[in-house]
Amino acid sequence: MNLKYFFSKIRDQVGFTMIELLIVIAILGILAVAVLSAINPVEQINRGRDTGSRSDAEQLLSAIDRFNAFQGYVPWRTGASDAVLEDNTMAWTKLDDWATFLDSGAACAVLEKLGSAAPTGTDTCTTHSDELKSSFVNRVTDTTYNHLFIYNEGGTGDSTYVCFEPQSGAFATEALNRLDTSGDGAVDGSDTMPEDFPADAYNNTTDCGSEGFCICLP
């Protein structure tokens, strides 16, 4: 037997042609695109960020509720007999700087009241409830954070809302669904919002993203 001919035939049988390799590569590329489209890594990352913002909003609301329960007044008031602010009114406020989020006396930072001390080490308050850790205050006021907004209309029994701009499509849809009570796909006069719900949380493209709807807790 001609060994050279024999081994040549084996090589011909086990090898791939260039066209076959290109077809395999093309198929792998199509599968990779399909997998990435299904997973949508950007959406997953943004959804993770939104989940973190929701957790921070819940933590802030809980801290405010505990402060109110133990102190007998909400932290943006100076005391239970606050003559300047007899109700719980808290205008739509962006928490992007702890030092400018002050109580009605304009001397004490609300986040400092809820925490243990001023992040800079310069206290402005005599009350530190230790409801929030300094790391939390530093995180939610950092310039790179998707900042929270706080609101309370001030009436008896009105809720305190903490809101944020949704980064993911899933959370944006959730925000719309909560506000679109009529189910017509738009937030307008046909929808019925709770009386104490912040008007700045919808149709507000400045604070709530291109869709104009914020996620609000509770």
N, C-alpha and C. Protein backbone atom coordinates (compact mmCIF):
# COMPACT_ATOMS: atom_id res chain seq x y z
N MET A 1 0.85 -1.19 0.00
CA MET A 1 0.00 0.00 0.00
C MET A 1 0.88 1.24 0.00
N ASN A 2 0.46 2.20 -0.72
CA ASN A 2 1.19 3.47 -0.75
C ASN A 2 0.83 4.28 0.49
N LEU A 3 1.77 4.33 1.48
CA LEU A 3 1.50 5.00 2.76
C LEU A 3 1.26 6.49 2.57
N LYS A 4 1.98 7.08 1.66
CA LYS A 4 1.79 8.52 1.42
C LYS A 4 0.37 8.80 0.96
N TYR A 5 -0.11 7.94 0.05
CA TYR A 5 -1.48 8.10 -0.43
C TYR A 5 -2.49 7.88 0.69
N PHE A 6 -2.21 6.86 1.57
CA PHE A 6 -3.10 6.52 2.68
C PHE A 6 -3.27 7.70 3.66
N PHE A 7 -2.13 8.28 4.09
CA PHE A 7 -2.19 9.39 5.05
C PHE A 7 -2.79 10.65 4.42
N SER A 8 -2.59 10.81 3.13
CA SER A 8 -3.19 11.94 2.42
C SER A 8 -4.71 11.83 2.43
N LYS A 9 -5.24 10.62 2.27
CA LYS A 9 -6.68 10.41 2.29
C LYS A 9 -7.24 10.69 3.67
N ILE A 10 -6.49 10.28 4.73
CA ILE A 10 -6.95 10.52 6.11
C ILE A 10 -7.05 12.02 6.37
N ARG A 11 -6.02 12.77 5.92
CA ARG A 11 -6.03 14.22 6.13
C ARG A 11 -7.22 14.84 5.40
N ASP A 12 -7.51 14.34 4.22
CA ASP A 12 -8.63 14.88 3.45
C ASP A 12 -9.96 14.62 4.15
N GLN A 13 -10.04 13.48 4.88
CA GLN A 13 -11.29 13.12 5.51
C GLN A 13 -11.54 13.87 6.82
N VAL A 14 -10.49 14.14 7.62
CA VAL A 14 -10.67 14.75 8.94
C VAL A 14 -10.55 16.27 8.89
N GLY A 15 -10.10 16.85 7.87
CA GLY A 15 -9.90 18.29 7.82
C GLY A 15 -11.19 19.03 7.47
N PHE A 16 -11.16 20.37 7.70
CA PHE A 16 -12.27 21.25 7.35
C PHE A 16 -11.83 22.19 6.25
N THR A 17 -12.74 22.43 5.36
CA THR A 17 -12.43 23.41 4.33
C THR A 17 -12.65 24.81 4.88
N MET A 18 -12.13 25.80 4.21
CA MET A 18 -12.29 27.19 4.64
C MET A 18 -13.76 27.59 4.67
N ILE A 19 -14.53 27.10 3.70
CA ILE A 19 -15.96 27.43 3.64
C ILE A 19 -16.68 26.86 4.86
N GLU A 20 -16.33 25.62 5.25
CA GLU A 20 -16.95 24.99 6.42
C GLU A 20 -16.63 25.78 7.69
N LEU A 21 -15.37 26.21 7.81
CA LEU A 21 -14.99 26.99 8.99
C LEU A 21 -15.74 28.32 9.04
N LEU A 22 -15.88 28.97 7.91
CA LEU A 22 -16.60 30.25 7.86
C LEU A 22 -18.07 30.06 8.23
N ILE A 23 -18.66 28.95 7.79
CA ILE A 23 -20.07 28.68 8.13
C ILE A 23 -20.22 28.48 9.64
N VAL A 24 -19.30 27.72 10.25
CA VAL A 24 -19.35 27.49 11.70
C VAL A 24 -19.20 28.81 12.46
N ILE A 25 -18.24 29.65 12.03
CA ILE A 25 -18.02 30.93 12.69
C ILE A 25 -19.26 31.81 12.58
N ALA A 26 -19.87 31.80 11.39
CA ALA A 26 -21.08 32.60 11.19
C ALA A 26 -22.21 32.14 12.10
N ILE A 27 -22.37 30.82 12.23
CA ILE A 27 -23.42 30.27 13.09
C ILE A 27 -23.17 30.66 14.55
N LEU A 28 -21.91 30.55 15.00
CA LEU A 28 -21.56 30.94 16.37
C LEU A 28 -21.83 32.42 16.61
N GLY A 29 -21.54 33.23 15.59
CA GLY A 29 -21.80 34.67 15.72
C GLY A 29 -23.28 34.97 15.86
N ILE A 30 -24.10 34.28 15.07
CA ILE A 30 -25.55 34.47 15.15
C ILE A 30 -26.07 34.05 16.52
N LEU A 31 -25.57 32.91 17.01
CA LEU A 31 -25.99 32.44 18.34
C LEU A 31 -25.58 33.42 19.43
N ALA A 32 -24.37 33.99 19.30
CA ALA A 32 -23.90 34.95 20.31
C ALA A 32 -24.78 36.20 20.33
N VAL A 33 -25.13 36.70 19.14
CA VAL A 33 -26.00 37.88 19.06
C VAL A 33 -27.36 37.58 19.65
N ALA A 34 -27.88 36.38 19.38
CA ALA A 34 -29.20 36.00 19.91
C ALA A 34 -29.18 35.93 21.43
N VAL A 35 -28.10 35.36 21.98
CA VAL A 35 -27.99 35.24 23.44
C VAL A 35 -27.89 36.62 24.08
N LEU A 36 -27.05 37.49 23.51
CA LEU A 36 -26.89 38.84 24.06
C LEU A 36 -28.19 39.63 23.98
N SER A 37 -28.94 39.44 22.89
CA SER A 37 -30.22 40.14 22.75
C SER A 37 -31.21 39.67 23.80
N ALA A 38 -31.18 38.36 24.08
CA ALA A 38 -32.11 37.82 25.07
C ALA A 38 -31.74 38.27 26.48
N ILE A 39 -30.44 38.29 26.78
CA ILE A 39 -29.98 38.66 28.12
C ILE A 39 -30.03 40.17 28.31
N ASN A 40 -29.65 40.95 27.28
CA ASN A 40 -29.59 42.41 27.35
C ASN A 40 -28.79 42.86 28.58
N PRO A 41 -27.48 42.74 28.55
CA PRO A 41 -26.67 43.04 29.74
C PRO A 41 -26.82 44.46 30.25
N VAL A 42 -27.04 45.43 29.37
CA VAL A 42 -27.22 46.82 29.82
C VAL A 42 -28.48 46.94 30.66
N GLU A 43 -29.56 46.30 30.19
CA GLU A 43 -30.82 46.31 30.95
C GLU A 43 -30.64 45.64 32.31
N GLN A 44 -29.89 44.54 32.33
CA GLN A 44 -29.67 43.84 33.59
C GLN A 44 -28.88 44.69 34.57
N ILE A 45 -27.87 45.40 34.06
CA ILE A 45 -27.07 46.28 34.92
C ILE A 45 -27.94 47.41 35.47
N ASN A 46 -28.74 48.03 34.61
CA ASN A 46 -29.61 49.12 35.04
C ASN A 46 -30.68 48.64 36.02
N ARG A 47 -31.16 47.42 35.81
CA ARG A 47 -32.15 46.88 36.74
C ARG A 47 -31.52 46.65 38.11
N GLY A 48 -30.27 46.23 38.11
CA GLY A 48 -29.57 46.07 39.38
C GLY A 48 -29.40 47.40 40.10
N ARG A 49 -29.10 48.47 39.34
CA ARG A 49 -28.98 49.80 39.94
C ARG A 49 -30.33 50.26 40.50
N ASP A 50 -31.40 50.00 39.77
CA ASP A 50 -32.73 50.38 40.24
C ASP A 50 -33.10 49.63 41.51
N THR A 51 -32.73 48.36 41.57
CA THR A 51 -32.99 47.57 42.77
C THR A 51 -32.25 48.15 43.98
N GLY A 52 -31.01 48.62 43.74
CA GLY A 52 -30.25 49.27 44.80
C GLY A 52 -30.91 50.57 45.24
N SER A 53 -31.41 51.35 44.29
CA SER A 53 -32.09 52.61 44.62
C SER A 53 -33.37 52.34 45.41
N ARG A 54 -34.10 51.30 45.03
CA ARG A 54 -35.32 50.95 45.77
C ARG A 54 -34.97 50.57 47.21
N SER A 55 -33.91 49.81 47.37
CA SER A 55 -33.48 49.41 48.71
C SER A 55 -33.10 50.63 49.55
N ASP A 56 -32.40 51.59 48.94
CA ASP A 56 -32.02 52.81 49.66
C ASP A 56 -33.24 53.64 50.01
N ALA A 57 -34.22 53.71 49.10
CA ALA A 57 -35.45 54.45 49.37
C ALA A 57 -36.20 53.82 50.55
N GLU A 58 -36.27 52.49 50.58
CA GLU A 58 -36.93 51.80 51.69
C GLU A 58 -36.20 52.07 53.00
N GLN A 59 -34.86 52.08 52.94
CA GLN A 59 -34.08 52.32 54.15
C GLN A 59 -34.30 53.74 54.68
N LEU A 60 -34.36 54.70 53.77
CA LEU A 60 -34.59 56.08 54.18
C LEU A 60 -35.99 56.25 54.78
N LEU A 61 -36.99 55.67 54.13
CA LEU A 61 -38.35 55.75 54.66
C LEU A 61 -38.45 55.13 56.05
N SER A 62 -37.81 53.99 56.23
CA SER A 62 -37.83 53.33 57.54
C SER A 62 -37.17 54.19 58.60
N ALA A 63 -36.07 54.85 58.23
CA ALA A 63 -35.36 55.71 59.18
C ALA A 63 -36.25 56.89 59.59
N ILE A 64 -36.96 57.48 58.62
CA ILE A 64 -37.85 58.60 58.92
C ILE A 64 -38.99 58.15 59.83
N ASP A 65 -39.55 56.98 59.55
CA ASP A 65 -40.66 56.46 60.37
C ASP A 65 -40.19 56.18 61.80
N ARG A 66 -39.00 55.61 61.95
CA ARG A 66 -38.49 55.31 63.30
C ARG A 66 -38.20 56.61 64.06
N PHE A 67 -37.61 57.59 63.36
CA PHE A 67 -37.34 58.88 63.99
C PHE A 67 -38.63 59.50 64.48
N ASN A 68 -39.66 59.49 63.63
CA ASN A 68 -40.96 60.07 63.98
C ASN A 68 -41.58 59.36 65.18
N ALA A 69 -41.42 58.03 65.21
CA ALA A 69 -42.01 57.25 66.30
C ALA A 69 -41.33 57.55 67.64
N PHE A 70 -40.00 57.68 67.63
CA PHE A 70 -39.27 57.88 68.87
C PHE A 70 -39.22 59.35 69.30
N GLN A 71 -39.12 60.27 68.32
CA GLN A 71 -38.97 61.68 68.65
C GLN A 71 -40.31 62.42 68.71
N GLY A 72 -41.31 61.91 68.02
CA GLY A 72 -42.61 62.54 68.03
C GLY A 72 -42.78 63.61 66.97
N TYR A 73 -41.88 63.68 66.02
CA TYR A 73 -41.97 64.64 64.91
C TYR A 73 -41.07 64.17 63.79
N VAL A 74 -41.38 64.61 62.57
CA VAL A 74 -40.56 64.21 61.42
C VAL A 74 -39.25 65.00 61.44
N PRO A 75 -38.19 64.45 60.88
CA PRO A 75 -36.86 65.06 61.04
C PRO A 75 -36.67 66.42 60.38
N TRP A 76 -37.56 66.80 59.45
CA TRP A 76 -37.39 68.13 58.84
C TRP A 76 -38.08 69.21 59.66
N ARG A 77 -38.66 68.84 60.80
CA ARG A 77 -39.14 69.83 61.75
C ARG A 77 -38.10 69.99 62.86
N THR A 78 -38.15 71.09 63.58
CA THR A 78 -37.17 71.31 64.66
C THR A 78 -37.62 70.66 65.96
N GLY A 79 -38.91 70.32 66.04
CA GLY A 79 -39.42 69.69 67.24
C GLY A 79 -40.92 69.47 67.12
N ALA A 80 -41.50 68.81 68.13
CA ALA A 80 -42.93 68.51 68.08
C ALA A 80 -43.78 69.77 68.13
N SER A 81 -43.25 70.85 68.72
CA SER A 81 -44.00 72.11 68.81
C SER A 81 -43.44 73.16 67.86
N ASP A 82 -42.92 72.70 66.74
CA ASP A 82 -42.32 73.59 65.75
C ASP A 82 -43.33 74.63 65.28
N ALA A 83 -43.09 75.88 65.63
CA ALA A 83 -44.03 76.96 65.27
C ALA A 83 -43.93 77.32 63.79
N VAL A 84 -42.78 77.04 63.19
CA VAL A 84 -42.58 77.37 61.77
C VAL A 84 -43.30 76.36 60.89
N LEU A 85 -43.32 75.13 61.31
CA LEU A 85 -43.87 74.05 60.48
C LEU A 85 -44.74 73.15 61.35
N GLU A 86 -46.02 73.47 61.44
CA GLU A 86 -46.92 72.73 62.30
C GLU A 86 -47.32 71.38 61.71
N ASP A 87 -47.24 71.25 60.39
CA ASP A 87 -47.59 69.98 59.77
C ASP A 87 -46.32 69.28 59.29
N ASN A 88 -46.48 68.26 58.46
CA ASN A 88 -45.33 67.46 58.02
C ASN A 88 -44.85 67.82 56.62
N THR A 89 -45.18 69.01 56.14
CA THR A 89 -44.86 69.39 54.77
C THR A 89 -43.37 69.25 54.46
N MET A 90 -43.09 68.54 53.37
CA MET A 90 -41.73 68.45 52.86
C MET A 90 -41.83 68.60 51.36
N ALA A 91 -41.46 69.78 50.84
CA ALA A 91 -41.54 70.02 49.40
C ALA A 91 -40.63 69.04 48.65
N TRP A 92 -40.95 68.80 47.39
CA TRP A 92 -40.15 67.90 46.53
C TRP A 92 -38.69 68.31 46.60
N THR A 93 -37.86 67.47 47.20
CA THR A 93 -36.46 67.83 47.47
C THR A 93 -35.52 66.73 47.00
N LYS A 94 -34.51 67.13 46.26
CA LYS A 94 -33.50 66.20 45.77
C LYS A 94 -32.40 66.04 46.81
N LEU A 95 -32.11 64.79 47.17
CA LEU A 95 -31.10 64.52 48.18
C LEU A 95 -29.72 64.37 47.53
N ASP A 96 -29.18 65.46 47.06
CA ASP A 96 -27.88 65.41 46.40
C ASP A 96 -26.79 66.09 47.23
N ASP A 97 -27.17 66.66 48.38
CA ASP A 97 -26.19 67.32 49.24
C ASP A 97 -26.75 67.35 50.66
N TRP A 98 -26.16 66.59 51.55
CA TRP A 98 -26.69 66.52 52.92
C TRP A 98 -26.70 67.89 53.58
N ALA A 99 -25.72 68.75 53.23
CA ALA A 99 -25.56 70.03 53.93
C ALA A 99 -26.64 71.04 53.57
N THR A 100 -27.34 70.86 52.43
CA THR A 100 -28.37 71.82 52.03
C THR A 100 -29.78 71.30 52.30
N PHE A 101 -29.89 70.04 52.73
CA PHE A 101 -31.19 69.48 53.08
C PHE A 101 -31.41 69.73 54.57
N LEU A 102 -31.93 70.93 54.90
CA LEU A 102 -32.02 71.39 56.28
C LEU A 102 -33.44 71.30 56.81
N ASP A 103 -33.57 71.30 58.14
CA ASP A 103 -34.89 71.31 58.75
C ASP A 103 -35.47 72.72 58.69
N SER A 104 -36.65 72.90 59.25
CA SER A 104 -37.34 74.19 59.14
C SER A 104 -36.60 75.31 59.87
N GLY A 105 -35.70 74.97 60.75
CA GLY A 105 -34.90 76.00 61.42
C GLY A 105 -33.71 76.45 60.60
N ALA A 106 -33.49 75.78 59.45
CA ALA A 106 -32.41 76.12 58.50
C ALA A 106 -31.04 76.07 59.15
N ALA A 107 -30.90 75.25 60.20
CA ALA A 107 -29.60 75.17 60.87
C ALA A 107 -29.11 73.73 60.99
N CYS A 108 -30.03 72.78 60.90
CA CYS A 108 -29.68 71.38 61.15
C CYS A 108 -29.97 70.53 59.91
N ALA A 109 -28.97 69.79 59.44
CA ALA A 109 -29.13 68.93 58.28
C ALA A 109 -29.97 67.71 58.63
N VAL A 110 -31.01 67.45 57.84
CA VAL A 110 -31.93 66.35 58.14
C VAL A 110 -31.21 65.00 58.14
N LEU A 111 -30.34 64.77 57.17
CA LEU A 111 -29.63 63.49 57.11
C LEU A 111 -28.67 63.34 58.28
N GLU A 112 -28.21 64.46 58.84
CA GLU A 112 -27.37 64.39 60.03
C GLU A 112 -28.21 63.99 61.24
N LYS A 113 -29.42 64.51 61.32
CA LYS A 113 -30.34 64.10 62.39
C LYS A 113 -30.60 62.60 62.34
N LEU A 114 -30.77 62.10 61.12
CA LEU A 114 -31.08 60.68 60.96
C LEU A 114 -29.85 59.80 61.14
N GLY A 115 -28.66 60.40 61.03
CA GLY A 115 -27.43 59.64 61.16
C GLY A 115 -26.78 59.81 62.51
N SER A 116 -25.47 59.64 62.52
CA SER A 116 -24.72 59.73 63.78
C SER A 116 -23.96 61.04 63.90
N ALA A 117 -23.57 61.61 62.79
CA ALA A 117 -22.81 62.87 62.79
C ALA A 117 -22.73 63.38 61.37
N ALA A 118 -22.29 64.63 61.24
CA ALA A 118 -22.12 65.19 59.90
C ALA A 118 -21.01 64.44 59.17
N PRO A 119 -21.21 64.15 57.88
CA PRO A 119 -20.18 63.43 57.12
C PRO A 119 -18.83 64.13 57.13
N THR A 120 -18.83 65.45 57.25
CA THR A 120 -17.56 66.19 57.25
C THR A 120 -16.95 66.28 58.64
N GLY A 121 -17.69 65.82 59.66
CA GLY A 121 -17.19 65.91 61.02
C GLY A 121 -17.56 67.20 61.72
N THR A 122 -18.25 68.11 61.02
CA THR A 122 -18.69 69.37 61.60
C THR A 122 -20.18 69.29 61.87
N ASP A 123 -20.55 69.02 63.11
CA ASP A 123 -21.96 68.84 63.45
C ASP A 123 -22.72 70.15 63.43
N THR A 124 -23.95 70.11 62.96
CA THR A 124 -24.84 71.26 63.02
C THR A 124 -26.06 70.95 63.87
N CYS A 125 -26.20 69.68 64.30
CA CYS A 125 -27.38 69.24 65.04
C CYS A 125 -27.01 68.77 66.45
N THR A 126 -27.95 68.91 67.34
CA THR A 126 -27.78 68.35 68.69
C THR A 126 -28.42 66.97 68.78
N THR A 127 -29.25 66.63 67.79
CA THR A 127 -29.91 65.33 67.76
C THR A 127 -29.30 64.45 66.69
N HIS A 128 -28.83 63.27 67.11
CA HIS A 128 -28.34 62.25 66.17
C HIS A 128 -29.01 60.94 66.54
N SER A 129 -29.92 60.50 65.70
CA SER A 129 -30.74 59.34 66.04
C SER A 129 -30.09 58.00 65.69
N ASP A 130 -29.01 58.03 64.93
CA ASP A 130 -28.31 56.80 64.52
C ASP A 130 -29.20 55.86 63.72
N GLU A 131 -30.16 56.42 63.01
CA GLU A 131 -31.03 55.58 62.17
C GLU A 131 -30.38 55.24 60.84
N LEU A 132 -29.43 56.07 60.41
CA LEU A 132 -28.72 55.83 59.15
C LEU A 132 -27.22 55.82 59.39
N LYS A 133 -26.54 54.95 58.69
CA LYS A 133 -25.08 54.90 58.79
C LYS A 133 -24.48 56.01 57.93
N SER A 134 -23.29 56.46 58.32
CA SER A 134 -22.61 57.50 57.55
C SER A 134 -22.35 57.04 56.12
N SER A 135 -22.08 55.75 55.94
CA SER A 135 -21.83 55.22 54.59
C SER A 135 -23.06 55.38 53.71
N PHE A 136 -24.25 55.24 54.30
CA PHE A 136 -25.49 55.43 53.54
C PHE A 136 -25.62 56.88 53.11
N VAL A 137 -25.41 57.81 54.05
CA VAL A 137 -25.52 59.24 53.74
C VAL A 137 -24.53 59.63 52.65
N ASN A 138 -23.30 59.14 52.78
CA ASN A 138 -22.27 59.46 51.78
C ASN A 138 -22.65 58.91 50.41
N ARG A 139 -23.24 57.70 50.39
CA ARG A 139 -23.59 57.08 49.11
C ARG A 139 -24.71 57.83 48.41
N VAL A 140 -25.80 58.14 49.12
CA VAL A 140 -26.97 58.73 48.46
C VAL A 140 -26.76 60.20 48.11
N THR A 141 -25.71 60.82 48.63
CA THR A 141 -25.43 62.22 48.28
C THR A 141 -24.21 62.34 47.36
N ASP A 142 -23.63 61.21 46.96
CA ASP A 142 -22.48 61.24 46.07
C ASP A 142 -22.90 61.75 44.68
N THR A 143 -22.02 62.45 44.02
CA THR A 143 -22.35 63.06 42.72
C THR A 143 -22.67 62.02 41.65
N THR A 144 -22.18 60.79 41.81
CA THR A 144 -22.41 59.75 40.80
C THR A 144 -23.68 58.94 41.09
N TYR A 145 -24.35 59.22 42.18
CA TYR A 145 -25.52 58.43 42.58
C TYR A 145 -26.77 58.88 41.84
N ASN A 146 -27.69 57.95 41.59
CA ASN A 146 -29.00 58.28 41.02
C ASN A 146 -29.87 58.81 42.16
N HIS A 147 -29.89 60.11 42.36
CA HIS A 147 -30.36 60.70 43.60
C HIS A 147 -31.84 60.45 43.90
N LEU A 148 -32.13 60.37 45.19
CA LEU A 148 -33.48 60.19 45.68
C LEU A 148 -34.16 61.54 45.84
N PHE A 149 -35.49 61.52 45.78
CA PHE A 149 -36.30 62.71 46.03
C PHE A 149 -37.27 62.39 47.16
N ILE A 150 -37.47 63.35 48.06
CA ILE A 150 -38.36 63.15 49.20
C ILE A 150 -39.51 64.16 49.14
N TYR A 151 -40.70 63.70 49.58
CA TYR A 151 -41.88 64.58 49.50
C TYR A 151 -42.91 64.17 50.54
N ASN A 152 -43.54 65.16 51.16
CA ASN A 152 -44.71 64.94 52.01
C ASN A 152 -45.61 66.16 51.86
N GLU A 153 -46.87 65.93 51.49
CA GLU A 153 -47.79 67.05 51.26
C GLU A 153 -48.14 67.78 52.55
N GLY A 154 -48.05 67.08 53.68
CA GLY A 154 -48.19 67.76 54.96
C GLY A 154 -49.49 67.61 55.68
N GLY A 155 -50.49 67.04 55.04
CA GLY A 155 -51.77 66.87 55.71
C GLY A 155 -51.75 65.74 56.72
N THR A 156 -52.74 65.71 57.60
CA THR A 156 -52.84 64.65 58.58
C THR A 156 -53.02 63.30 57.88
N GLY A 157 -52.13 62.38 58.20
CA GLY A 157 -52.20 61.05 57.59
C GLY A 157 -51.53 60.93 56.24
N ASP A 158 -50.98 62.03 55.71
CA ASP A 158 -50.30 61.96 54.41
C ASP A 158 -49.01 61.15 54.51
N SER A 159 -48.71 60.42 53.45
CA SER A 159 -47.50 59.59 53.42
C SER A 159 -46.29 60.42 53.05
N THR A 160 -45.14 59.98 53.53
CA THR A 160 -43.86 60.51 53.03
C THR A 160 -43.43 59.62 51.88
N TYR A 161 -43.11 60.23 50.74
CA TYR A 161 -42.69 59.49 49.56
C TYR A 161 -41.19 59.69 49.32
N VAL A 162 -40.52 58.62 48.95
CA VAL A 162 -39.14 58.71 48.47
C VAL A 162 -39.13 58.14 47.05
N CYS A 163 -38.67 58.95 46.10
CA CYS A 163 -38.76 58.59 44.68
C CYS A 163 -37.38 58.61 44.02
N PHE A 164 -37.29 57.98 42.87
CA PHE A 164 -36.05 58.02 42.09
C PHE A 164 -36.37 57.78 40.61
N GLU A 165 -35.46 58.24 39.77
CA GLU A 165 -35.59 58.06 38.32
C GLU A 165 -35.24 56.62 37.95
N PRO A 166 -36.12 55.89 37.28
CA PRO A 166 -35.79 54.52 36.87
C PRO A 166 -34.74 54.51 35.76
N GLN A 167 -33.77 53.62 35.87
CA GLN A 167 -32.73 53.50 34.87
C GLN A 167 -33.02 52.38 33.86
N SER A 168 -33.79 51.40 34.27
CA SER A 168 -34.08 50.24 33.41
C SER A 168 -35.47 50.33 32.81
N GLY A 169 -35.66 49.63 31.71
CA GLY A 169 -36.97 49.60 31.07
C GLY A 169 -38.02 48.97 31.96
N ALA A 170 -37.63 47.95 32.72
CA ALA A 170 -38.58 47.25 33.59
C ALA A 170 -39.12 48.18 34.67
N PHE A 171 -38.25 48.97 35.29
CA PHE A 171 -38.69 49.87 36.35
C PHE A 171 -39.46 51.06 35.77
N ALA A 172 -39.09 51.50 34.57
CA ALA A 172 -39.84 52.58 33.92
C ALA A 172 -41.28 52.14 33.63
N THR A 173 -41.43 50.89 33.20
CA THR A 173 -42.76 50.34 32.96
C THR A 173 -43.55 50.23 34.26
N GLU A 174 -42.86 49.83 35.32
CA GLU A 174 -43.51 49.73 36.63
C GLU A 174 -44.03 51.10 37.09
N ALA A 175 -43.20 52.14 36.89
CA ALA A 175 -43.61 53.49 37.28
C ALA A 175 -44.83 53.93 36.49
N LEU A 176 -44.84 53.67 35.19
CA LEU A 176 -45.98 54.04 34.34
C LEU A 176 -47.24 53.29 34.76
N ASN A 177 -47.10 52.00 35.01
CA ASN A 177 -48.26 51.19 35.37
C ASN A 177 -48.90 51.65 36.67
N ARG A 178 -48.08 52.13 37.61
CA ARG A 178 -48.63 52.60 38.87
C ARG A 178 -49.45 53.88 38.67
N LEU A 179 -48.96 54.73 37.78
CA LEU A 179 -49.61 56.03 37.58
C LEU A 179 -50.77 55.96 36.59
N ASP A 180 -50.69 55.05 35.62
CA ASP A 180 -51.71 54.94 34.58
C ASP A 180 -52.87 54.10 35.09
N THR A 181 -53.67 54.65 35.99
CA THR A 181 -54.75 53.89 36.60
C THR A 181 -55.88 53.58 35.62
N SER A 182 -55.98 54.38 34.55
CA SER A 182 -57.03 54.13 33.55
C SER A 182 -56.62 53.06 32.54
N GLY A 183 -55.32 52.78 32.47
CA GLY A 183 -54.83 51.74 31.57
C GLY A 183 -54.78 52.14 30.12
N ASP A 184 -54.76 53.46 29.83
CA ASP A 184 -54.74 53.89 28.43
C ASP A 184 -53.32 54.16 27.92
N GLY A 185 -52.30 53.86 28.73
CA GLY A 185 -50.92 54.02 28.30
C GLY A 185 -50.36 55.40 28.47
N ALA A 186 -51.11 56.31 29.10
CA ALA A 186 -50.65 57.68 29.33
C ALA A 186 -51.09 58.13 30.72
N VAL A 187 -50.36 59.09 31.26
CA VAL A 187 -50.71 59.65 32.56
C VAL A 187 -51.33 61.02 32.31
N ASP A 188 -52.64 61.11 32.52
CA ASP A 188 -53.36 62.36 32.21
C ASP A 188 -54.55 62.51 33.14
N GLY A 189 -55.49 63.34 32.76
CA GLY A 189 -56.64 63.62 33.59
C GLY A 189 -57.56 62.43 33.81
N SER A 190 -57.39 61.38 33.01
CA SER A 190 -58.24 60.21 33.18
C SER A 190 -57.76 59.30 34.30
N ASP A 191 -56.58 59.59 34.85
CA ASP A 191 -56.01 58.77 35.92
C ASP A 191 -56.31 59.37 37.28
N THR A 192 -56.44 58.50 38.26
CA THR A 192 -56.74 58.93 39.63
C THR A 192 -55.57 58.59 40.54
N MET A 193 -54.81 59.61 40.94
CA MET A 193 -53.68 59.44 41.82
C MET A 193 -54.12 59.67 43.27
N PRO A 194 -53.42 59.05 44.24
CA PRO A 194 -53.70 59.39 45.64
C PRO A 194 -53.55 60.89 45.86
N GLU A 195 -54.38 61.46 46.71
CA GLU A 195 -54.38 62.91 46.92
C GLU A 195 -53.03 63.42 47.42
N ASP A 196 -52.30 62.59 48.16
CA ASP A 196 -51.03 63.05 48.73
C ASP A 196 -49.82 62.69 47.86
N PHE A 197 -50.08 62.12 46.65
CA PHE A 197 -48.98 61.68 45.79
C PHE A 197 -48.28 62.90 45.17
N PRO A 198 -46.94 62.90 45.11
CA PRO A 198 -46.21 64.07 44.58
C PRO A 198 -46.45 64.29 43.09
N ALA A 199 -46.90 65.49 42.74
CA ALA A 199 -47.14 65.82 41.33
C ALA A 199 -45.83 65.84 40.55
N ASP A 200 -44.71 66.07 41.23
CA ASP A 200 -43.40 66.10 40.55
C ASP A 200 -42.90 64.72 40.16
N ALA A 201 -43.61 63.67 40.56
CA ALA A 201 -43.17 62.31 40.27
C ALA A 201 -43.66 61.81 38.91
N TYR A 202 -44.45 62.63 38.19
CA TYR A 202 -44.91 62.21 36.87
C TYR A 202 -44.95 63.41 35.93
N ASN A 203 -44.81 63.11 34.64
CA ASN A 203 -44.71 64.15 33.61
C ASN A 203 -43.62 65.16 33.97
N ASN A 204 -42.51 64.64 34.49
CA ASN A 204 -41.38 65.45 34.92
C ASN A 204 -40.11 64.88 34.31
N THR A 205 -39.78 65.32 33.11
CA THR A 205 -38.61 64.79 32.41
C THR A 205 -37.30 65.33 32.96
N THR A 206 -37.36 66.34 33.82
CA THR A 206 -36.14 66.89 34.43
C THR A 206 -35.61 65.95 35.52
N ASP A 207 -36.50 65.47 36.36
CA ASP A 207 -36.09 64.65 37.51
C ASP A 207 -36.35 63.16 37.32
N CYS A 208 -37.24 62.81 36.42
CA CYS A 208 -37.69 61.41 36.32
C CYS A 208 -37.35 60.74 35.00
N GLY A 209 -36.40 61.28 34.25
CA GLY A 209 -35.96 60.63 33.02
C GLY A 209 -36.78 61.01 31.81
N SER A 210 -36.42 60.45 30.68
CA SER A 210 -37.05 60.82 29.41
C SER A 210 -38.53 60.46 29.37
N GLU A 211 -38.93 59.43 30.12
CA GLU A 211 -40.35 59.05 30.15
C GLU A 211 -41.15 59.93 31.09
N GLY A 212 -40.46 60.58 32.04
CA GLY A 212 -41.12 61.52 32.95
C GLY A 212 -41.77 60.92 34.16
N PHE A 213 -41.52 59.59 34.44
CA PHE A 213 -42.18 58.92 35.56
C PHE A 213 -41.15 58.41 36.56
N CYS A 214 -41.28 58.79 37.80
CA CYS A 214 -40.39 58.30 38.86
C CYS A 214 -41.00 57.08 39.56
N ILE A 215 -40.13 56.23 40.06
CA ILE A 215 -40.54 55.18 40.99
C ILE A 215 -40.67 55.82 42.36
N CYS A 216 -41.80 55.63 43.04
CA CYS A 216 -42.01 56.23 44.35
C CYS A 216 -42.41 55.17 45.37
N LEU A 217 -41.82 55.24 46.54
CA LEU A 217 -42.19 54.39 47.65
C LEU A 217 -42.79 55.26 48.74
N PRO A 218 -43.79 54.85 49.51
CA PRO A 218 -44.35 53.50 49.48
C PRO A 218 -45.32 53.34 48.31
